[in-house]
Amino acid sequence: MEELPAAVAMAVRLLARRDHSTSELEQKLTRRGVAPATVAAVVARLTDKGYLDDRRFARRWAEAAVEAGRGF
């Protein structure tokens, strides 16, 4: 899997800008030409390391919505 290190680096750069959901990250990597098996491996690795967390993403999204006055 020669593609894996480059795909992990790409994903980390995306996550450094802002949190992403698993689905968002999968879509972004796929649009950039990363193979589906590599996308799955990247998501698994980053989830295991705590860099990708859908619960944290949802919590931060909701907090930002409330702060911006978009409430629920």
PDB file of N, CA and C in Angstrom:
ATOM      1  N   MET A   1       0.835  -1.191   0.000  1.00  0.00           N
ATOM      2  CA  MET A   1       0.000   0.000   0.000  1.00  0.00           C
ATOM      3  C   MET A   1       0.873   1.246   0.000  1.00  0.00           C
ATOM      4  N   GLU A   2       1.422   1.534  -1.108  1.00  0.00           N
ATOM      5  CA  GLU A   2       2.289   2.705  -1.269  1.00  0.00           C
ATOM      6  C   GLU A   2       1.511   4.007  -1.146  1.00  0.00           C
ATOM      7  N   GLU A   3       0.239   3.961  -1.477  1.00  0.00           N
ATOM      8  CA  GLU A   3      -0.621   5.141  -1.456  1.00  0.00           C
ATOM      9  C   GLU A   3      -0.986   5.574  -0.027  1.00  0.00           C
ATOM     10  N   LEU A   4      -0.917   4.654   0.919  1.00  0.00           N
ATOM     11  CA  LEU A   4      -1.396   4.925   2.273  1.00  0.00           C
ATOM     12  C   LEU A   4      -0.709   6.108   2.957  1.00  0.00           C
ATOM     13  N   PRO A   5       0.623   6.189   2.994  1.00  0.00           N
ATOM     14  CA  PRO A   5       1.238   7.339   3.685  1.00  0.00           C
ATOM     15  C   PRO A   5       0.821   8.690   3.105  1.00  0.00           C
ATOM     16  N   ALA A   6       0.733   8.781   1.797  1.00  0.00           N
ATOM     17  CA  ALA A   6       0.314  10.039   1.166  1.00  0.00           C
ATOM     18  C   ALA A   6      -1.144  10.349   1.492  1.00  0.00           C
ATOM     19  N   ALA A   7      -1.978   9.330   1.512  1.00  0.00           N
ATOM     20  CA  ALA A   7      -3.394   9.535   1.816  1.00  0.00           C
ATOM     21  C   ALA A   7      -3.587   9.942   3.276  1.00  0.00           C
ATOM     22  N   VAL A   8      -2.810   9.354   4.175  1.00  0.00           N
ATOM     23  CA  VAL A   8      -2.885   9.743   5.589  1.00  0.00           C
ATOM     24  C   VAL A   8      -2.456  11.201   5.738  1.00  0.00           C
ATOM     25  N   ALA A   9      -1.378  11.575   5.072  1.00  0.00           N
ATOM     26  CA  ALA A   9      -0.902  12.964   5.149  1.00  0.00           C
ATOM     27  C   ALA A   9      -1.964  13.926   4.611  1.00  0.00           C
ATOM     28  N   MET A  10      -2.610  13.552   3.516  1.00  0.00           N
ATOM     29  CA  MET A  10      -3.665  14.382   2.940  1.00  0.00           C
ATOM     30  C   MET A  10      -4.817  14.538   3.935  1.00  0.00           C
ATOM     31  N   ALA A  11      -5.213  13.449   4.556  1.00  0.00           N
ATOM     32  CA  ALA A  11      -6.319  13.480   5.512  1.00  0.00           C
ATOM     33  C   ALA A  11      -5.969  14.320   6.732  1.00  0.00           C
ATOM     34  N   VAL A  12      -4.754  14.200   7.208  1.00  0.00           N
ATOM     35  CA  VAL A  12      -4.329  14.990   8.376  1.00  0.00           C
ATOM     36  C   VAL A  12      -4.339  16.480   8.034  1.00  0.00           C
ATOM     37  N   ARG A  13      -3.914  16.830   6.833  1.00  0.00           N
ATOM     38  CA  ARG A  13      -3.969  18.242   6.412  1.00  0.00           C
ATOM     39  C   ARG A  13      -5.407  18.747   6.407  1.00  0.00           C
ATOM     40  N   LEU A  14      -6.333  17.929   5.917  1.00  0.00           N
ATOM     41  CA  LEU A  14      -7.742  18.326   5.910  1.00  0.00           C
ATOM     42  C   LEU A  14      -8.267  18.506   7.333  1.00  0.00           C
ATOM     43  N   LEU A  15      -7.901  17.586   8.213  1.00  0.00           N
ATOM     44  CA  LEU A  15      -8.363  17.663   9.597  1.00  0.00           C
ATOM     45  C   LEU A  15      -7.698  18.793  10.374  1.00  0.00           C
ATOM     46  N   ALA A  16      -6.544  19.230   9.927  1.00  0.00           N
ATOM     47  CA  ALA A  16      -5.863  20.342  10.599  1.00  0.00           C
ATOM     48  C   ALA A  16      -6.620  21.644  10.380  1.00  0.00           C
ATOM     49  N   ARG A  17      -7.318  21.744   9.278  1.00  0.00           N
ATOM     50  CA  ARG A  17      -8.102  22.957   8.987  1.00  0.00           C
ATOM     51  C   ARG A  17      -9.352  23.030   9.844  1.00  0.00           C
ATOM     52  N   ARG A  18     -10.043  21.866   9.960  1.00  0.00           N
ATOM     53  CA  ARG A  18     -11.261  21.774  10.762  1.00  0.00           C
ATOM     54  C   ARG A  18     -11.636  20.309  10.911  1.00  0.00           C
ATOM     55  N   ASP A  19     -12.484  20.028  11.899  1.00  0.00           N
ATOM     56  CA  ASP A  19     -12.987  18.671  12.053  1.00  0.00           C
ATOM     57  C   ASP A  19     -13.835  18.307  10.844  1.00  0.00           C
ATOM     58  N   HIS A  20     -13.810  17.051  10.501  1.00  0.00           N
ATOM     59  CA  HIS A  20     -14.666  16.515   9.447  1.00  0.00           C
ATOM     60  C   HIS A  20     -15.352  15.276   9.997  1.00  0.00           C
ATOM     61  N   SER A  21     -16.530  14.987   9.479  1.00  0.00           N
ATOM     62  CA  SER A  21     -17.157  13.708   9.797  1.00  0.00           C
ATOM     63  C   SER A  21     -16.449  12.627   8.988  1.00  0.00           C
ATOM     64  N   THR A  22     -16.648  11.400   9.384  1.00  0.00           N
ATOM     65  CA  THR A  22     -16.066  10.282   8.636  1.00  0.00           C
ATOM     66  C   THR A  22     -16.525  10.332   7.189  1.00  0.00           C
ATOM     67  N   SER A  23     -17.798  10.567   6.993  1.00  0.00           N
ATOM     68  CA  SER A  23     -18.357  10.618   5.638  1.00  0.00           C
ATOM     69  C   SER A  23     -17.725  11.733   4.807  1.00  0.00           C
ATOM     70  N   GLU A  24     -17.587  12.905   5.387  1.00  0.00           N
ATOM     71  CA  GLU A  24     -16.957  14.022   4.668  1.00  0.00           C
ATOM     72  C   GLU A  24     -15.529  13.681   4.258  1.00  0.00           C
ATOM     73  N   LEU A  25     -14.779  13.119   5.187  1.00  0.00           N
ATOM     74  CA  LEU A  25     -13.389  12.791   4.892  1.00  0.00           C
ATOM     75  C   LEU A  25     -13.308  11.721   3.804  1.00  0.00           C
ATOM     76  N   GLU A  26     -14.167  10.722   3.893  1.00  0.00           N
ATOM     77  CA  GLU A  26     -14.197   9.692   2.850  1.00  0.00           C
ATOM     78  C   GLU A  26     -14.482  10.302   1.483  1.00  0.00           C
ATOM     79  N   GLN A  27     -15.456  11.201   1.423  1.00  0.00           N
ATOM     80  CA  GLN A  27     -15.809  11.844   0.155  1.00  0.00           C
ATOM     81  C   GLN A  27     -14.653  12.674  -0.386  1.00  0.00           C
ATOM     82  N   LYS A  28     -14.013  13.437   0.472  1.00  0.00           N
ATOM     83  CA  LYS A  28     -12.909  14.290   0.024  1.00  0.00           C
ATOM     84  C   LYS A  28     -11.740  13.465  -0.490  1.00  0.00           C
ATOM     85  N   LEU A  29     -11.407  12.399   0.212  1.00  0.00           N
ATOM     86  CA  LEU A  29     -10.303  11.550  -0.241  1.00  0.00           C
ATOM     87  C   LEU A  29     -10.652  10.858  -1.557  1.00  0.00           C
ATOM     88  N   THR A  30     -11.882  10.394  -1.668  1.00  0.00           N
ATOM     89  CA  THR A  30     -12.324   9.732  -2.898  1.00  0.00           C
ATOM     90  C   THR A  30     -12.274  10.697  -4.077  1.00  0.00           C
ATOM     91  N   ARG A  31     -12.738  11.929  -3.882  1.00  0.00           N
ATOM     92  CA  ARG A  31     -12.696  12.933  -4.958  1.00  0.00           C
ATOM     93  C   ARG A  31     -11.273  13.255  -5.376  1.00  0.00           C
ATOM     94  N   ARG A  32     -10.324  13.045  -4.470  1.00  0.00           N
ATOM     95  CA  ARG A  32      -8.914  13.305  -4.787  1.00  0.00           C
ATOM     96  C   ARG A  32      -8.225  12.072  -5.379  1.00  0.00           C
ATOM     97  N   GLY A  33      -9.015  11.049  -5.680  1.00  0.00           N
ATOM     98  CA  GLY A  33      -8.487   9.895  -6.381  1.00  0.00           C
ATOM     99  C   GLY A  33      -7.908   8.786  -5.522  1.00  0.00           C
ATOM    100  N   VAL A  34      -8.178   8.827  -4.221  1.00  0.00           N
ATOM    101  CA  VAL A  34      -7.676   7.778  -3.333  1.00  0.00           C
ATOM    102  C   VAL A  34      -8.571   6.544  -3.487  1.00  0.00           C
ATOM    103  N   ALA A  35      -7.944   5.386  -3.612  1.00  0.00           N
ATOM    104  CA  ALA A  35      -8.672   4.124  -3.788  1.00  0.00           C
ATOM    105  C   ALA A  35      -9.539   3.821  -2.565  1.00  0.00           C
ATOM    106  N   PRO A  36     -10.693   3.197  -2.779  1.00  0.00           N
ATOM    107  CA  PRO A  36     -11.607   2.902  -1.668  1.00  0.00           C
ATOM    108  C   PRO A  36     -10.970   2.111  -0.524  1.00  0.00           C
ATOM    109  N   ALA A  37     -10.137   1.132  -0.826  1.00  0.00           N
ATOM    110  CA  ALA A  37      -9.487   0.343   0.234  1.00  0.00           C
ATOM    111  C   ALA A  37      -8.533   1.219   1.050  1.00  0.00           C
ATOM    112  N   THR A  38      -7.882   2.146   0.382  1.00  0.00           N
ATOM    113  CA  THR A  38      -6.965   3.056   1.074  1.00  0.00           C
ATOM    114  C   THR A  38      -7.749   4.038   1.930  1.00  0.00           C
ATOM    115  N   VAL A  39      -8.873   4.527   1.415  1.00  0.00           N
ATOM    116  CA  VAL A  39      -9.734   5.425   2.189  1.00  0.00           C
ATOM    117  C   VAL A  39     -10.164   4.728   3.481  1.00  0.00           C
ATOM    118  N   ALA A  40     -10.578   3.487   3.373  1.00  0.00           N
ATOM    119  CA  ALA A  40     -11.007   2.732   4.552  1.00  0.00           C
ATOM    120  C   ALA A  40      -9.859   2.577   5.551  1.00  0.00           C
ATOM    121  N   ALA A  41      -8.667   2.319   5.045  1.00  0.00           N
ATOM    122  CA  ALA A  41      -7.500   2.165   5.923  1.00  0.00           C
ATOM    123  C   ALA A  41      -7.153   3.484   6.618  1.00  0.00           C
ATOM    124  N   VAL A  42      -7.248   4.587   5.886  1.00  0.00           N
ATOM    125  CA  VAL A  42      -6.967   5.911   6.462  1.00  0.00           C
ATOM    126  C   VAL A  42      -7.974   6.224   7.560  1.00  0.00           C
ATOM    127  N   VAL A  43      -9.249   6.010   7.279  1.00  0.00           N
ATOM    128  CA  VAL A  43     -10.303   6.289   8.256  1.00  0.00           C
ATOM    129  C   VAL A  43     -10.087   5.440   9.506  1.00  0.00           C
ATOM    130  N   ALA A  44      -9.777   4.171   9.330  1.00  0.00           N
ATOM    131  CA  ALA A  44      -9.549   3.295  10.481  1.00  0.00           C
ATOM    132  C   ALA A  44      -8.362   3.776  11.310  1.00  0.00           C
ATOM    133  N   ARG A  45      -7.287   4.127  10.646  1.00  0.00           N
ATOM    134  CA  ARG A  45      -6.079   4.579  11.363  1.00  0.00           C
ATOM    135  C   ARG A  45      -6.349   5.865  12.132  1.00  0.00           C
ATOM    136  N   LEU A  46      -6.979   6.839  11.468  1.00  0.00           N
ATOM    137  CA  LEU A  46      -7.211   8.129  12.123  1.00  0.00           C
ATOM    138  C   LEU A  46      -8.261   8.038  13.229  1.00  0.00           C
ATOM    139  N   THR A  47      -9.212   7.132  13.070  1.00  0.00           N
ATOM    140  CA  THR A  47     -10.195   6.905  14.127  1.00  0.00           C
ATOM    141  C   THR A  47      -9.516   6.276  15.338  1.00  0.00           C
ATOM    142  N   ASP A  48      -8.680   5.282  15.090  1.00  0.00           N
ATOM    143  CA  ASP A  48      -7.955   4.620  16.187  1.00  0.00           C
ATOM    144  C   ASP A  48      -7.076   5.596  16.950  1.00  0.00           C
ATOM    145  N   LYS A  49      -6.481   6.559  16.248  1.00  0.00           N
ATOM    146  CA  LYS A  49      -5.585   7.517  16.894  1.00  0.00           C
ATOM    147  C   LYS A  49      -6.337   8.702  17.512  1.00  0.00           C
ATOM    148  N   GLY A  50      -7.656   8.774  17.287  1.00  0.00           N
ATOM    149  CA  GLY A  50      -8.454   9.843  17.872  1.00  0.00           C
ATOM    150  C   GLY A  50      -8.508  11.125  17.055  1.00  0.00           C
ATOM    151  N   TYR A  51      -7.940  11.098  15.859  1.00  0.00           N
ATOM    152  CA  TYR A  51      -7.968  12.284  15.002  1.00  0.00           C
ATOM    153  C   TYR A  51      -9.320  12.463  14.320  1.00  0.00           C
ATOM    154  N   LEU A  52     -10.033  11.382  14.132  1.00  0.00           N
ATOM    155  CA  LEU A  52     -11.324  11.394  13.455  1.00  0.00           C
ATOM    156  C   LEU A  52     -12.347  10.834  14.427  1.00  0.00           C
ATOM    157  N   ASP A  53     -13.343  11.661  14.780  1.00  0.00           N
ATOM    158  CA  ASP A  53     -14.312  11.279  15.804  1.00  0.00           C
ATOM    159  C   ASP A  53     -15.649  11.924  15.455  1.00  0.00           C
ATOM    160  N   ASP A  54     -16.600  11.119  14.998  1.00  0.00           N
ATOM    161  CA  ASP A  54     -17.894  11.652  14.580  1.00  0.00           C
ATOM    162  C   ASP A  54     -18.667  12.296  15.726  1.00  0.00           C
ATOM    163  N   ARG A  55     -18.547  11.758  16.930  1.00  0.00           N
ATOM    164  CA  ARG A  55     -19.247  12.368  18.070  1.00  0.00           C
ATOM    165  C   ARG A  55     -18.685  13.756  18.363  1.00  0.00           C
ATOM    166  N   ARG A  56     -17.364  13.883  18.349  1.00  0.00           N
ATOM    167  CA  ARG A  56     -16.738  15.181  18.593  1.00  0.00           C
ATOM    168  C   ARG A  56     -17.134  16.167  17.492  1.00  0.00           C
ATOM    169  N   PHE A  57     -17.138  15.687  16.244  1.00  0.00           N
ATOM    170  CA  PHE A  57     -17.535  16.527  15.120  1.00  0.00           C
ATOM    171  C   PHE A  57     -18.957  17.055  15.320  1.00  0.00           C
ATOM    172  N   ALA A  58     -19.880  16.169  15.668  1.00  0.00           N
ATOM    173  CA  ALA A  58     -21.281  16.571  15.846  1.00  0.00           C
ATOM    174  C   ALA A  58     -21.429  17.563  16.997  1.00  0.00           C
ATOM    175  N   ARG A  59     -20.721  17.303  18.087  1.00  0.00           N
ATOM    176  CA  ARG A  59     -20.793  18.209  19.243  1.00  0.00           C
ATOM    177  C   ARG A  59     -20.277  19.600  18.871  1.00  0.00           C
ATOM    178  N   ARG A  60     -19.141  19.647  18.200  1.00  0.00           N
ATOM    179  CA  ARG A  60     -18.581  20.951  17.814  1.00  0.00           C
ATOM    180  C   ARG A  60     -19.464  21.660  16.798  1.00  0.00           C
ATOM    181  N   TRP A  61     -20.055  20.909  15.888  1.00  0.00           N
ATOM    182  CA  TRP A  61     -20.951  21.508  14.895  1.00  0.00           C
ATOM    183  C   TRP A  61     -22.157  22.124  15.603  1.00  0.00           C
ATOM    184  N   ALA A  62     -22.736  21.394  16.545  1.00  0.00           N
ATOM    185  CA  ALA A  62     -23.902  21.904  17.271  1.00  0.00           C
ATOM    186  C   ALA A  62     -23.527  23.129  18.096  1.00  0.00           C
ATOM    187  N   GLU A  63     -22.372  23.091  18.768  1.00  0.00           N
ATOM    188  CA  GLU A  63     -21.940  24.253  19.548  1.00  0.00           C
ATOM    189  C   GLU A  63     -21.752  25.490  18.651  1.00  0.00           C
ATOM    190  N   ALA A  64     -21.183  25.288  17.496  1.00  0.00           N
ATOM    191  CA  ALA A  64     -20.974  26.415  16.568  1.00  0.00           C
ATOM    192  C   ALA A  64     -22.308  26.957  16.073  1.00  0.00           C
ATOM    193  N   ALA A  65     -23.257  26.066  15.824  1.00  0.00           N
ATOM    194  CA  ALA A  65     -24.578  26.499  15.362  1.00  0.00           C
ATOM    195  C   ALA A  65     -25.273  27.329  16.430  1.00  0.00           C
ATOM    196  N   VAL A  66     -25.188  26.913  17.665  1.00  0.00           N
ATOM    197  CA  VAL A  66     -25.824  27.653  18.763  1.00  0.00           C
ATOM    198  C   VAL A  66     -25.151  29.006  18.936  1.00  0.00           C
ATOM    199  N   GLU A  67     -23.831  29.027  18.898  1.00  0.00           N
ATOM    200  CA  GLU A  67     -23.094  30.291  19.045  1.00  0.00           C
ATOM    201  C   GLU A  67     -23.413  31.263  17.919  1.00  0.00           C
ATOM    202  N   ALA A  68     -23.649  30.731  16.736  1.00  0.00           N
ATOM    203  CA  ALA A  68     -23.947  31.588  15.594  1.00  0.00           C
ATOM    204  C   ALA A  68     -25.426  32.000  15.561  1.00  0.00           C
ATOM    205  N   GLY A  69     -26.202  31.511  16.534  1.00  0.00           N
ATOM    206  CA  GLY A  69     -27.604  31.885  16.592  1.00  0.00           C
ATOM    207  C   GLY A  69     -28.493  31.086  15.673  1.00  0.00           C
ATOM    208  N   ARG A  70     -27.980  29.960  15.190  1.00  0.00           N
ATOM    209  CA  ARG A  70     -28.778  29.144  14.281  1.00  0.00           C
ATOM    210  C   ARG A  70     -29.586  28.114  15.039  1.00  0.00           C
ATOM    211  N   GLY A  71     -29.422  28.022  16.354  1.00  0.00           N
ATOM    212  CA  GLY A  71     -30.160  27.109  17.215  1.00  0.00           C
ATOM    213  C   GLY A  71     -30.905  25.980  16.518  1.00  0.00           C
ATOM    214  N   PHE A  72     -31.579  25.209  17.276  1.00  0.00           N
ATOM    215  CA  PHE A  72     -32.289  24.050  16.717  1.00  0.00           C
ATOM    216  C   PHE A  72     -33.753  24.219  16.818  1.00  0.00           C
TER     217      PHE A  72
END
